[in-house]
Amino acid sequence: RNKRVSLMNWLSSAELEEFINTYPYRTYFFLLMTPLFLV
């Protein structure tokens, strides 16, 4: 339960959101290439 709460705190942190929003093209490229990467 403590690990889940800390994970959710990390997922809702401003640093992680800022990092993903800083690199939008890389993020969307990774999401689009995920079906191929699953090989």
PDB file of all heavy atoms in Angstrom:
ATOM      1  N   ARG A   1       0.837  -1.203   0.000  1.00  0.00           N
ATOM      2  CA  ARG A   1       0.000   0.000   0.000  1.00  0.00           C
ATOM      3  C   ARG A   1       0.873   1.254   0.000  1.00  0.00           C
ATOM      4  O   ARG A   1       0.598   2.216  -0.727  1.00  0.00           O
ATOM      5  CB  ARG A   1      -0.922  -0.006   1.213  1.00  0.00           C
ATOM      6  CG  ARG A   1      -1.951   1.104   1.179  1.00  0.00           C
ATOM      7  CD  ARG A   1      -2.912   1.065   2.353  1.00  0.00           C
ATOM      8  NE  ARG A   1      -3.577  -0.230   2.434  1.00  0.00           N
ATOM      9  CZ  ARG A   1      -3.646  -0.973   3.531  1.00  0.00           C
ATOM     10  NH1 ARG A   1      -3.090  -0.572   4.652  1.00  0.00           N
ATOM     11  NH2 ARG A   1      -4.264  -2.139   3.520  1.00  0.00           N
ATOM     12  N   ASN A   2       1.948   1.251   0.792  1.00  0.00           N
ATOM     13  CA  ASN A   2       2.861   2.394   0.823  1.00  0.00           C
ATOM     14  C   ASN A   2       3.560   2.583  -0.516  1.00  0.00           C
ATOM     15  O   ASN A   2       3.733   3.723  -0.976  1.00  0.00           O
ATOM     16  CB  ASN A   2       3.905   2.213   1.927  1.00  0.00           C
ATOM     17  CG  ASN A   2       3.301   2.298   3.303  1.00  0.00           C
ATOM     18  OD1 ASN A   2       2.225   2.861   3.499  1.00  0.00           O
ATOM     19  ND2 ASN A   2       3.987   1.725   4.286  1.00  0.00           N
ATOM     20  N   LYS A   3       3.954   1.482  -1.159  1.00  0.00           N
ATOM     21  CA  LYS A   3       4.606   1.585  -2.463  1.00  0.00           C
ATOM     22  C   LYS A   3       3.639   2.101  -3.527  1.00  0.00           C
ATOM     23  O   LYS A   3       4.021   2.881  -4.400  1.00  0.00           O
ATOM     24  CB  LYS A   3       5.175   0.230  -2.899  1.00  0.00           C
ATOM     25  CG  LYS A   3       6.317  -0.229  -2.066  1.00  0.00           C
ATOM     26  CD  LYS A   3       7.454   0.762  -2.124  1.00  0.00           C
ATOM     27  CE  LYS A   3       8.581   0.363  -1.212  1.00  0.00           C
ATOM     28  NZ  LYS A   3       9.616   1.376  -1.124  1.00  0.00           N
ATOM     29  N   ARG A   4       2.387   1.691  -3.458  1.00  0.00           N
ATOM     30  CA  ARG A   4       1.391   2.174  -4.420  1.00  0.00           C
ATOM     31  C   ARG A   4       1.143   3.662  -4.233  1.00  0.00           C
ATOM     32  O   ARG A   4       1.047   4.416  -5.199  1.00  0.00           O
ATOM     33  CB  ARG A   4       0.091   1.403  -4.273  1.00  0.00           C
ATOM     34  CG  ARG A   4      -0.938   1.804  -5.317  1.00  0.00           C
ATOM     35  CD  ARG A   4      -2.241   1.032  -5.149  1.00  0.00           C
ATOM     36  NE  ARG A   4      -3.180   1.312  -6.193  1.00  0.00           N
ATOM     37  CZ  ARG A   4      -3.878   2.430  -6.322  1.00  0.00           C
ATOM     38  NH1 ARG A   4      -3.722   3.397  -5.462  1.00  0.00           N
ATOM     39  NH2 ARG A   4      -4.719   2.590  -7.316  1.00  0.00           N
ATOM     40  N   VAL A   5       1.053   4.114  -2.995  1.00  0.00           N
ATOM     41  CA  VAL A   5       0.840   5.535  -2.721  1.00  0.00           C
ATOM     42  C   VAL A   5       2.032   6.352  -3.214  1.00  0.00           C
ATOM     43  O   VAL A   5       1.860   7.406  -3.836  1.00  0.00           O
ATOM     44  CB  VAL A   5       0.589   5.758  -1.212  1.00  0.00           C
ATOM     45  CG1 VAL A   5       0.682   7.228  -0.844  1.00  0.00           C
ATOM     46  CG2 VAL A   5      -0.768   5.208  -0.824  1.00  0.00           C
ATOM     47  N   SER A   6       3.250   5.859  -2.987  1.00  0.00           N
ATOM     48  CA  SER A   6       4.427   6.599  -3.458  1.00  0.00           C
ATOM     49  C   SER A   6       4.498   6.612  -4.986  1.00  0.00           C
ATOM     50  O   SER A   6       4.897   7.614  -5.577  1.00  0.00           O
ATOM     51  CB  SER A   6       5.702   6.020  -2.858  1.00  0.00           C
ATOM     52  OG  SER A   6       5.903   4.708  -3.298  1.00  0.00           O
ATOM     53  N   LEU A   7       4.090   5.519  -5.645  1.00  0.00           N
ATOM     54  CA  LEU A   7       4.048   5.503  -7.102  1.00  0.00           C
ATOM     55  C   LEU A   7       3.037   6.502  -7.634  1.00  0.00           C
ATOM     56  O   LEU A   7       3.320   7.245  -8.580  1.00  0.00           O
ATOM     57  CB  LEU A   7       3.723   4.098  -7.616  1.00  0.00           C
ATOM     58  CG  LEU A   7       3.532   3.976  -9.129  1.00  0.00           C
ATOM     59  CD1 LEU A   7       4.848   4.191  -9.849  1.00  0.00           C
ATOM     60  CD2 LEU A   7       2.928   2.641  -9.489  1.00  0.00           C
ATOM     61  N   MET A   8       1.867   6.555  -7.021  1.00  0.00           N
ATOM     62  CA  MET A   8       0.850   7.508  -7.481  1.00  0.00           C
ATOM     63  C   MET A   8       1.292   8.946  -7.226  1.00  0.00           C
ATOM     64  O   MET A   8       0.993   9.839  -8.030  1.00  0.00           O
ATOM     65  CB  MET A   8      -0.489   7.222  -6.809  1.00  0.00           C
ATOM     66  CG  MET A   8      -1.105   5.881  -7.215  1.00  0.00           C
ATOM     67  SD  MET A   8      -1.190   5.606  -8.979  1.00  0.00           S
ATOM     68  CE  MET A   8      -2.464   6.732  -9.445  1.00  0.00           C
ATOM     69  N   ASN A   9       2.000   9.194  -6.129  1.00  0.00           N
ATOM     70  CA  ASN A   9       2.547  10.533  -5.883  1.00  0.00           C
ATOM     71  C   ASN A   9       3.575  10.901  -6.939  1.00  0.00           C
ATOM     72  O   ASN A   9       3.622  12.044  -7.407  1.00  0.00           O
ATOM     73  CB  ASN A   9       3.171  10.618  -4.488  1.00  0.00           C
ATOM     74  CG  ASN A   9       2.138  10.658  -3.401  1.00  0.00           C
ATOM     75  OD1 ASN A   9       0.984  11.009  -3.621  1.00  0.00           O
ATOM     76  ND2 ASN A   9       2.545  10.267  -2.202  1.00  0.00           N
ATOM     77  N   TRP A  10       4.406   9.934  -7.322  1.00  0.00           N
ATOM     78  CA  TRP A  10       5.402  10.202  -8.354  1.00  0.00           C
ATOM     79  C   TRP A  10       4.732  10.434  -9.706  1.00  0.00           C
ATOM     80  O   TRP A  10       5.143  11.309 -10.460  1.00  0.00           O
ATOM     81  CB  TRP A  10       6.378   9.031  -8.430  1.00  0.00           C
ATOM     82  CG  TRP A  10       7.401   9.189  -9.500  1.00  0.00           C
ATOM     83  CD1 TRP A  10       8.448  10.055  -9.502  1.00  0.00           C
ATOM     84  CD2 TRP A  10       7.456   8.483 -10.731  1.00  0.00           C
ATOM     85  NE1 TRP A  10       9.178   9.916 -10.661  1.00  0.00           N
ATOM     86  CE2 TRP A  10       8.590   8.958 -11.429  1.00  0.00           C
ATOM     87  CE3 TRP A  10       6.679   7.485 -11.304  1.00  0.00           C
ATOM     88  CZ2 TRP A  10       8.941   8.469 -12.672  1.00  0.00           C
ATOM     89  CZ3 TRP A  10       7.042   7.007 -12.542  1.00  0.00           C
ATOM     90  CH2 TRP A  10       8.157   7.496 -13.215  1.00  0.00           C
ATOM     91  N   LEU A  11       3.696   9.645 -10.014  1.00  0.00           N
ATOM     92  CA  LEU A  11       3.003   9.818 -11.297  1.00  0.00           C
ATOM     93  C   LEU A  11       2.276  11.151 -11.384  1.00  0.00           C
ATOM     94  O   LEU A  11       2.099  11.700 -12.461  1.00  0.00           O
ATOM     95  CB  LEU A  11       2.014   8.674 -11.520  1.00  0.00           C
ATOM     96  CG  LEU A  11       2.615   7.331 -11.918  1.00  0.00           C
ATOM     97  CD1 LEU A  11       1.527   6.286 -12.024  1.00  0.00           C
ATOM     98  CD2 LEU A  11       3.396   7.434 -13.201  1.00  0.00           C
ATOM     99  N   SER A  12       1.819  11.666 -10.268  1.00  0.00           N
ATOM    100  CA  SER A  12       1.104  12.948 -10.290  1.00  0.00           C
ATOM    101  C   SER A  12       2.025  14.125  -9.990  1.00  0.00           C
ATOM    102  O   SER A  12       1.549  15.239  -9.826  1.00  0.00           O
ATOM    103  CB  SER A  12      -0.054  12.914  -9.291  1.00  0.00           C
ATOM    104  OG  SER A  12       0.445  12.712  -7.985  1.00  0.00           O
ATOM    105  N   SER A  13       3.332  13.894  -9.956  1.00  0.00           N
ATOM    106  CA  SER A  13       4.264  14.977  -9.655  1.00  0.00           C
ATOM    107  C   SER A  13       4.407  15.912 -10.848  1.00  0.00           C
ATOM    108  O   SER A  13       4.225  15.535 -12.000  1.00  0.00           O
ATOM    109  CB  SER A  13       5.633  14.420  -9.263  1.00  0.00           C
ATOM    110  OG  SER A  13       6.240  13.810 -10.375  1.00  0.00           O
ATOM    111  N   ALA A  14       4.757  17.139 -10.538  1.00  0.00           N
ATOM    112  CA  ALA A  14       4.917  18.152 -11.581  1.00  0.00           C
ATOM    113  C   ALA A  14       6.170  17.896 -12.411  1.00  0.00           C
ATOM    114  O   ALA A  14       6.203  18.225 -13.597  1.00  0.00           O
ATOM    115  CB  ALA A  14       4.986  19.535 -10.947  1.00  0.00           C
ATOM    116  N   GLU A  15       7.196  17.307 -11.810  1.00  0.00           N
ATOM    117  CA  GLU A  15       8.442  17.059 -12.541  1.00  0.00           C
ATOM    118  C   GLU A  15       8.239  16.071 -13.682  1.00  0.00           C
ATOM    119  O   GLU A  15       8.739  16.275 -14.783  1.00  0.00           O
ATOM    120  CB  GLU A  15       9.531  16.528 -11.597  1.00  0.00           C
ATOM    121  CG  GLU A  15      10.020  17.525 -10.589  1.00  0.00           C
ATOM    122  CD  GLU A  15       9.173  17.548  -9.335  1.00  0.00           C
ATOM    123  OE1 GLU A  15       8.330  16.645  -9.170  1.00  0.00           O
ATOM    124  OE2 GLU A  15       9.335  18.468  -8.538  1.00  0.00           O
ATOM    125  N   LEU A  16       7.514  14.995 -13.415  1.00  0.00           N
ATOM    126  CA  LEU A  16       7.281  13.996 -14.456  1.00  0.00           C
ATOM    127  C   LEU A  16       6.414  14.569 -15.577  1.00  0.00           C
ATOM    128  O   LEU A  16       6.693  14.357 -16.761  1.00  0.00           O
ATOM    129  CB  LEU A  16       6.626  12.754 -13.861  1.00  0.00           C
ATOM    130  CG  LEU A  16       6.462  11.572 -14.796  1.00  0.00           C
ATOM    131  CD1 LEU A  16       7.813  11.081 -15.284  1.00  0.00           C
ATOM    132  CD2 LEU A  16       5.718  10.459 -14.110  1.00  0.00           C
ATOM    133  N   GLU A  17       5.394  15.305 -15.209  1.00  0.00           N
ATOM    134  CA  GLU A  17       4.535  15.914 -16.223  1.00  0.00           C
ATOM    135  C   GLU A  17       5.302  16.953 -17.037  1.00  0.00           C
ATOM    136  O   GLU A  17       5.138  17.042 -18.261  1.00  0.00           O
ATOM    137  CB  GLU A  17       3.323  16.561 -15.553  1.00  0.00           C
ATOM    138  CG  GLU A  17       2.282  17.022 -16.530  1.00  0.00           C
ATOM    139  CD  GLU A  17       0.985  17.392 -15.836  1.00  0.00           C
ATOM    140  OE1 GLU A  17       0.842  17.149 -14.635  1.00  0.00           O
ATOM    141  OE2 GLU A  17       0.114  17.927 -16.539  1.00  0.00           O
ATOM    142  N   GLU A  18       6.163  17.711 -16.376  1.00  0.00           N
ATOM    143  CA  GLU A  18       6.975  18.694 -17.087  1.00  0.00           C
ATOM    144  C   GLU A  18       7.947  18.022 -18.049  1.00  0.00           C
ATOM    145  O   GLU A  18       8.148  18.481 -19.171  1.00  0.00           O
ATOM    146  CB  GLU A  18       7.746  19.539 -16.079  1.00  0.00           C
ATOM    147  CG  GLU A  18       8.651  20.578 -16.703  1.00  0.00           C
ATOM    148  CD  GLU A  18       9.462  21.311 -15.655  1.00  0.00           C
ATOM    149  OE1 GLU A  18       9.079  21.308 -14.480  1.00  0.00           O
ATOM    150  OE2 GLU A  18      10.497  21.876 -16.039  1.00  0.00           O
ATOM    151  N   PHE A  19       8.534  16.900 -17.625  1.00  0.00           N
ATOM    152  CA  PHE A  19       9.453  16.173 -18.491  1.00  0.00           C
ATOM    153  C   PHE A  19       8.747  15.659 -19.741  1.00  0.00           C
ATOM    154  O   PHE A  19       9.262  15.784 -20.856  1.00  0.00           O
ATOM    155  CB  PHE A  19      10.083  15.007 -17.725  1.00  0.00           C
ATOM    156  CG  PHE A  19      10.983  14.162 -18.567  1.00  0.00           C
ATOM    157  CD1 PHE A  19      12.260  14.595 -18.880  1.00  0.00           C
ATOM    158  CD2 PHE A  19      10.547  12.945 -19.069  1.00  0.00           C
ATOM    159  CE1 PHE A  19      13.103  13.819 -19.657  1.00  0.00           C
ATOM    160  CE2 PHE A  19      11.382  12.166 -19.851  1.00  0.00           C
ATOM    161  CZ  PHE A  19      12.660  12.608 -20.148  1.00  0.00           C
ATOM    162  N   ILE A  20       7.564  15.080 -19.568  1.00  0.00           N
ATOM    163  CA  ILE A  20       6.836  14.542 -20.719  1.00  0.00           C
ATOM    164  C   ILE A  20       6.327  15.661 -21.612  1.00  0.00           C
ATOM    165  O   ILE A  20       6.339  15.538 -22.847  1.00  0.00           O
ATOM    166  CB  ILE A  20       5.699  13.616 -20.241  1.00  0.00           C
ATOM    167  CG1 ILE A  20       6.318  12.332 -19.690  1.00  0.00           C
ATOM    168  CG2 ILE A  20       4.718  13.300 -21.354  1.00  0.00           C
ATOM    169  CD1 ILE A  20       5.339  11.358 -19.131  1.00  0.00           C
ATOM    170  N   ASN A  21       5.919  16.776 -21.019  1.00  0.00           N
ATOM    171  CA  ASN A  21       5.450  17.897 -21.830  1.00  0.00           C
ATOM    172  C   ASN A  21       6.593  18.666 -22.482  1.00  0.00           C
ATOM    173  O   ASN A  21       6.367  19.376 -23.458  1.00  0.00           O
ATOM    174  CB  ASN A  21       4.602  18.838 -20.985  1.00  0.00           C
ATOM    175  CG  ASN A  21       3.277  18.211 -20.612  1.00  0.00           C
ATOM    176  OD1 ASN A  21       2.760  17.368 -21.345  1.00  0.00           O
ATOM    177  ND2 ASN A  21       2.730  18.586 -19.481  1.00  0.00           N
ATOM    178  N   THR A  22       7.815  18.527 -21.976  1.00  0.00           N
ATOM    179  CA  THR A  22       8.966  19.185 -22.583  1.00  0.00           C
ATOM    180  C   THR A  22       9.336  18.529 -23.909  1.00  0.00           C
ATOM    181  O   THR A  22       9.787  19.198 -24.834  1.00  0.00           O
ATOM    182  CB  THR A  22      10.179  19.136 -21.625  1.00  0.00           C
ATOM    183  OG1 THR A  22       9.812  19.751 -20.397  1.00  0.00           O
ATOM    184  CG2 THR A  22      11.371  19.852 -22.198  1.00  0.00           C
ATOM    185  N   TYR A  23       9.134  17.228 -23.994  1.00  0.00           N
ATOM    186  CA  TYR A  23       9.488  16.474 -25.200  1.00  0.00           C
ATOM    187  C   TYR A  23       8.241  15.847 -25.822  1.00  0.00           C
ATOM    188  O   TYR A  23       8.092  14.633 -25.843  1.00  0.00           O
ATOM    189  CB  TYR A  23      10.501  15.379 -24.861  1.00  0.00           C
ATOM    190  CG  TYR A  23      11.741  15.904 -24.197  1.00  0.00           C
ATOM    191  CD1 TYR A  23      11.949  15.726 -22.834  1.00  0.00           C
ATOM    192  CD2 TYR A  23      12.688  16.584 -24.929  1.00  0.00           C
ATOM    193  CE1 TYR A  23      13.085  16.212 -22.219  1.00  0.00           C
ATOM    194  CE2 TYR A  23      13.827  17.079 -24.327  1.00  0.00           C
ATOM    195  CZ  TYR A  23      14.026  16.889 -22.972  1.00  0.00           C
ATOM    196  OH  TYR A  23      15.150  17.373 -22.368  1.00  0.00           O
ATOM    197  N   PRO A  24       7.318  16.659 -26.375  1.00  0.00           N
ATOM    198  CA  PRO A  24       6.066  16.076 -26.892  1.00  0.00           C
ATOM    199  C   PRO A  24       6.271  15.219 -28.137  1.00  0.00           C
ATOM    200  O   PRO A  24       5.614  14.194 -28.288  1.00  0.00           O
ATOM    201  CB  PRO A  24       5.201  17.295 -27.195  1.00  0.00           C
ATOM    202  CG  PRO A  24       6.169  18.403 -27.427  1.00  0.00           C
ATOM    203  CD  PRO A  24       7.353  18.103 -26.546  1.00  0.00           C
ATOM    204  N   TYR A  25       7.188  15.619 -29.030  1.00  0.00           N
ATOM    205  CA  TYR A  25       7.380  14.845 -30.253  1.00  0.00           C
ATOM    206  C   TYR A  25       7.990  13.485 -29.957  1.00  0.00           C
ATOM    207  O   TYR A  25       7.591  12.478 -30.533  1.00  0.00           O
ATOM    208  CB  TYR A  25       8.250  15.620 -31.251  1.00  0.00           C
ATOM    209  CG  TYR A  25       7.598  16.899 -31.708  1.00  0.00           C
ATOM    210  CD1 TYR A  25       8.188  18.125 -31.461  1.00  0.00           C
ATOM    211  CD2 TYR A  25       6.372  16.876 -32.370  1.00  0.00           C
ATOM    212  CE1 TYR A  25       7.586  19.298 -31.872  1.00  0.00           C
ATOM    213  CE2 TYR A  25       5.756  18.034 -32.782  1.00  0.00           C
ATOM    214  CZ  TYR A  25       6.365  19.254 -32.525  1.00  0.00           C
ATOM    215  OH  TYR A  25       5.764  20.403 -32.917  1.00  0.00           O
ATOM    216  N   ARG A  26       8.951  13.452 -29.047  1.00  0.00           N
ATOM    217  CA  ARG A  26       9.553  12.176 -28.669  1.00  0.00           C
ATOM    218  C   ARG A  26       8.528  11.277 -27.982  1.00  0.00           C
ATOM    219  O   ARG A  26       8.513  10.066 -28.187  1.00  0.00           O
ATOM    220  CB  ARG A  26      10.741  12.410 -27.735  1.00  0.00           C
ATOM    221  CG  ARG A  26      11.887  13.086 -28.408  1.00  0.00           C
ATOM    222  CD  ARG A  26      13.005  13.333 -27.436  1.00  0.00           C
ATOM    223  NE  ARG A  26      14.047  14.135 -28.052  1.00  0.00           N
ATOM    224  CZ  ARG A  26      15.060  14.617 -27.404  1.00  0.00           C
ATOM    225  NH1 ARG A  26      15.199  14.386 -26.111  1.00  0.00           N
ATOM    226  NH2 ARG A  26      15.966  15.336 -28.020  1.00  0.00           N
ATOM    227  N   THR A  27       7.685  11.883 -27.185  1.00  0.00           N
ATOM    228  CA  THR A  27       6.659  11.119 -26.475  1.00  0.00           C
ATOM    229  C   THR A  27       5.675  10.487 -27.448  1.00  0.00           C
ATOM    230  O   THR A  27       5.389   9.290 -27.372  1.00  0.00           O
ATOM    231  CB  THR A  27       5.910  12.029 -25.493  1.00  0.00           C
ATOM    232  OG1 THR A  27       6.834  12.582 -24.570  1.00  0.00           O
ATOM    233  CG2 THR A  27       4.836  11.274 -24.750  1.00  0.00           C
ATOM    234  N   TYR A  28       5.165  11.290 -28.376  1.00  0.00           N
ATOM    235  CA  TYR A  28       4.209  10.751 -29.340  1.00  0.00           C
ATOM    236  C   TYR A  28       4.875   9.759 -30.292  1.00  0.00           C
ATOM    237  O   TYR A  28       4.253   8.786 -30.708  1.00  0.00           O
ATOM    238  CB  TYR A  28       3.527  11.879 -30.117  1.00  0.00           C
ATOM    239  CG  TYR A  28       2.527  12.622 -29.283  1.00  0.00           C
ATOM    240  CD1 TYR A  28       2.627  13.988 -29.093  1.00  0.00           C
ATOM    241  CD2 TYR A  28       1.475  11.950 -28.655  1.00  0.00           C
ATOM    242  CE1 TYR A  28       1.709  14.665 -28.315  1.00  0.00           C
ATOM    243  CE2 TYR A  28       0.561  12.622 -27.880  1.00  0.00           C
ATOM    244  CZ  TYR A  28       0.686  13.978 -27.713  1.00  0.00           C
ATOM    245  OH  TYR A  28      -0.220  14.640 -26.941  1.00  0.00           O
ATOM    246  N   PHE A  29       6.140   9.983 -30.640  1.00  0.00           N
ATOM    247  CA  PHE A  29       6.857   9.031 -31.481  1.00  0.00           C
ATOM    248  C   PHE A  29       6.991   7.691 -30.771  1.00  0.00           C
ATOM    249  O   PHE A  29       6.779   6.636 -31.371  1.00  0.00           O
ATOM    250  CB  PHE A  29       8.238   9.586 -31.855  1.00  0.00           C
ATOM    251  CG  PHE A  29       9.050   8.649 -32.685  1.00  0.00           C
ATOM    252  CD1 PHE A  29       8.744   8.469 -34.027  1.00  0.00           C
ATOM    253  CD2 PHE A  29      10.105   7.943 -32.132  1.00  0.00           C
ATOM    254  CE1 PHE A  29       9.490   7.598 -34.805  1.00  0.00           C
ATOM    255  CE2 PHE A  29      10.848   7.071 -32.899  1.00  0.00           C
ATOM    256  CZ  PHE A  29      10.553   6.902 -34.238  1.00  0.00           C
ATOM    257  N   PHE A  30       7.325   7.730 -29.473  1.00  0.00           N
ATOM    258  CA  PHE A  30       7.444   6.493 -28.708  1.00  0.00           C
ATOM    259  C   PHE A  30       6.098   5.774 -28.631  1.00  0.00           C
ATOM    260  O   PHE A  30       6.036   4.556 -28.768  1.00  0.00           O
ATOM    261  CB  PHE A  30       7.973   6.793 -27.304  1.00  0.00           C
ATOM    262  CG  PHE A  30       8.285   5.570 -26.502  1.00  0.00           C
ATOM    263  CD1 PHE A  30       9.403   4.821 -26.781  1.00  0.00           C
ATOM    264  CD2 PHE A  30       7.463   5.159 -25.474  1.00  0.00           C
ATOM    265  CE1 PHE A  30       9.708   3.690 -26.058  1.00  0.00           C
ATOM    266  CE2 PHE A  30       7.741   4.035 -24.741  1.00  0.00           C
ATOM    267  CZ  PHE A  30       8.878   3.296 -25.031  1.00  0.00           C
ATOM    268  N   LEU A  31       5.014   6.525 -28.433  1.00  0.00           N
ATOM    269  CA  LEU A  31       3.690   5.896 -28.373  1.00  0.00           C
ATOM    270  C   LEU A  31       3.289   5.299 -29.717  1.00  0.00           C
ATOM    271  O   LEU A  31       2.674   4.236 -29.769  1.00  0.00           O
ATOM    272  CB  LEU A  31       2.642   6.903 -27.919  1.00  0.00           C
ATOM    273  CG  LEU A  31       2.633   7.250 -26.438  1.00  0.00           C
ATOM    274  CD1 LEU A  31       1.581   8.323 -26.158  1.00  0.00           C
ATOM    275  CD2 LEU A  31       2.380   6.033 -25.590  1.00  0.00           C
ATOM    276  N   LEU A  32       3.623   5.977 -30.805  1.00  0.00           N
ATOM    277  CA  LEU A  32       3.278   5.454 -32.128  1.00  0.00           C
ATOM    278  C   LEU A  32       4.126   4.248 -32.512  1.00  0.00           C
ATOM    279  O   LEU A  32       3.659   3.368 -33.236  1.00  0.00           O
ATOM    280  CB  LEU A  32       3.441   6.549 -33.188  1.00  0.00           C
ATOM    281  CG  LEU A  32       2.385   7.644 -33.169  1.00  0.00           C
ATOM    282  CD1 LEU A  32       2.733   8.730 -34.189  1.00  0.00           C
ATOM    283  CD2 LEU A  32       1.015   7.075 -33.461  1.00  0.00           C
ATOM    284  N   MET A  33       5.353   4.190 -32.019  1.00  0.00           N
ATOM    285  CA  MET A  33       6.236   3.081 -32.357  1.00  0.00           C
ATOM    286  C   MET A  33       6.093   1.894 -31.407  1.00  0.00           C
ATOM    287  O   MET A  33       6.659   0.834 -31.662  1.00  0.00           O
ATOM    288  CB  MET A  33       7.688   3.555 -32.370  1.00  0.00           C
ATOM    289  CG  MET A  33       7.988   4.553 -33.469  1.00  0.00           C
ATOM    290  SD  MET A  33       7.609   3.931 -35.115  1.00  0.00           S
ATOM    291  CE  MET A  33       8.884   2.732 -35.315  1.00  0.00           C
ATOM    292  N   THR A  34       5.327   2.032 -30.340  1.00  0.00           N
ATOM    293  CA  THR A  34       5.166   0.961 -29.364  1.00  0.00           C
ATOM    294  C   THR A  34       4.644  -0.340 -29.993  1.00  0.00           C
ATOM    295  O   THR A  34       5.141  -1.415 -29.653  1.00  0.00           O
ATOM    296  CB  THR A  34       4.266   1.411 -28.202  1.00  0.00           C
ATOM    297  OG1 THR A  34       4.934   2.466 -27.506  1.00  0.00           O
ATOM    298  CG2 THR A  34       3.988   0.289 -27.239  1.00  0.00           C
ATOM    299  N   PRO A  35       3.659  -0.308 -30.902  1.00  0.00           N
ATOM    300  CA  PRO A  35       3.233  -1.580 -31.507  1.00  0.00           C
ATOM    301  C   PRO A  35       4.361  -2.317 -32.229  1.00  0.00           C
ATOM    302  O   PRO A  35       4.450  -3.540 -32.167  1.00  0.00           O
ATOM    303  CB  PRO A  35       2.140  -1.168 -32.497  1.00  0.00           C
ATOM    304  CG  PRO A  35       1.612   0.098 -31.957  1.00  0.00           C
ATOM    305  CD  PRO A  35       2.774   0.782 -31.315  1.00  0.00           C
ATOM    306  N   LEU A  36       5.248  -1.580 -32.864  1.00  0.00           N
ATOM    307  CA  LEU A  36       6.386  -2.208 -33.516  1.00  0.00           C
ATOM    308  C   LEU A  36       7.416  -2.670 -32.493  1.00  0.00           C
ATOM    309  O   LEU A  36       8.006  -3.738 -32.623  1.00  0.00           O
ATOM    310  CB  LEU A  36       7.027  -1.238 -34.507  1.00  0.00           C
ATOM    311  CG  LEU A  36       8.182  -1.769 -35.334  1.00  0.00           C
ATOM    312  CD1 LEU A  36       7.709  -2.911 -36.212  1.00  0.00           C
ATOM    313  CD2 LEU A  36       8.772  -0.673 -36.164  1.00  0.00           C
ATOM    314  N   PHE A  37       7.625  -1.864 -31.453  1.00  0.00           N
ATOM    315  CA  PHE A  37       8.594  -2.213 -30.417  1.00  0.00           C
ATOM    316  C   PHE A  37       8.161  -3.432 -29.607  1.00  0.00           C
ATOM    317  O   PHE A  37       9.003  -4.091 -28.999  1.00  0.00           O
ATOM    318  CB  PHE A  37       8.811  -1.052 -29.459  1.00  0.00           C
ATOM    319  CG  PHE A  37       9.544   0.122 -30.053  1.00  0.00           C
ATOM    320  CD1 PHE A  37       9.383   1.387 -29.527  1.00  0.00           C
ATOM    321  CD2 PHE A  37      10.392  -0.033 -31.131  1.00  0.00           C
ATOM    322  CE1 PHE A  37      10.052   2.470 -30.055  1.00  0.00           C
ATOM    323  CE2 PHE A  37      11.069   1.040 -31.668  1.00  0.00           C
ATOM    324  CZ  PHE A  37      10.898   2.295 -31.126  1.00  0.00           C
ATOM    325  N   LEU A  38       6.880  -3.754 -29.581  1.00  0.00           N
ATOM    326  CA  LEU A  38       6.417  -4.916 -28.819  1.00  0.00           C
ATOM    327  C   LEU A  38       6.919  -6.233 -29.405  1.00  0.00           C
ATOM    328  O   LEU A  38       6.838  -7.265 -28.749  1.00  0.00           O
ATOM    329  CB  LEU A  38       4.887  -4.932 -28.759  1.00  0.00           C
ATOM    330  CG  LEU A  38       4.259  -4.046 -27.701  1.00  0.00           C
ATOM    331  CD1 LEU A  38       2.750  -4.074 -27.816  1.00  0.00           C
ATOM    332  CD2 LEU A  38       4.675  -4.466 -26.316  1.00  0.00           C
ATOM    333  N   VAL A  39       7.444  -6.186 -30.626  1.00  0.00           N
ATOM    334  CA  VAL A  39       8.023  -7.378 -31.226  1.00  0.00           C
ATOM    335  C   VAL A  39       9.203  -7.865 -30.392  1.00  0.00           C
ATOM    336  O   VAL A  39       9.389  -9.068 -30.224  1.00  0.00           O
ATOM    337  CB  VAL A  39       8.449  -7.044 -32.668  1.00  0.00           C
ATOM    338  CG1 VAL A  39       9.801  -7.522 -33.035  1.00  0.00           C
ATOM    339  CG2 VAL A  39       7.458  -7.588 -33.635  1.00  0.00           C
TER     340      VAL A  39
END
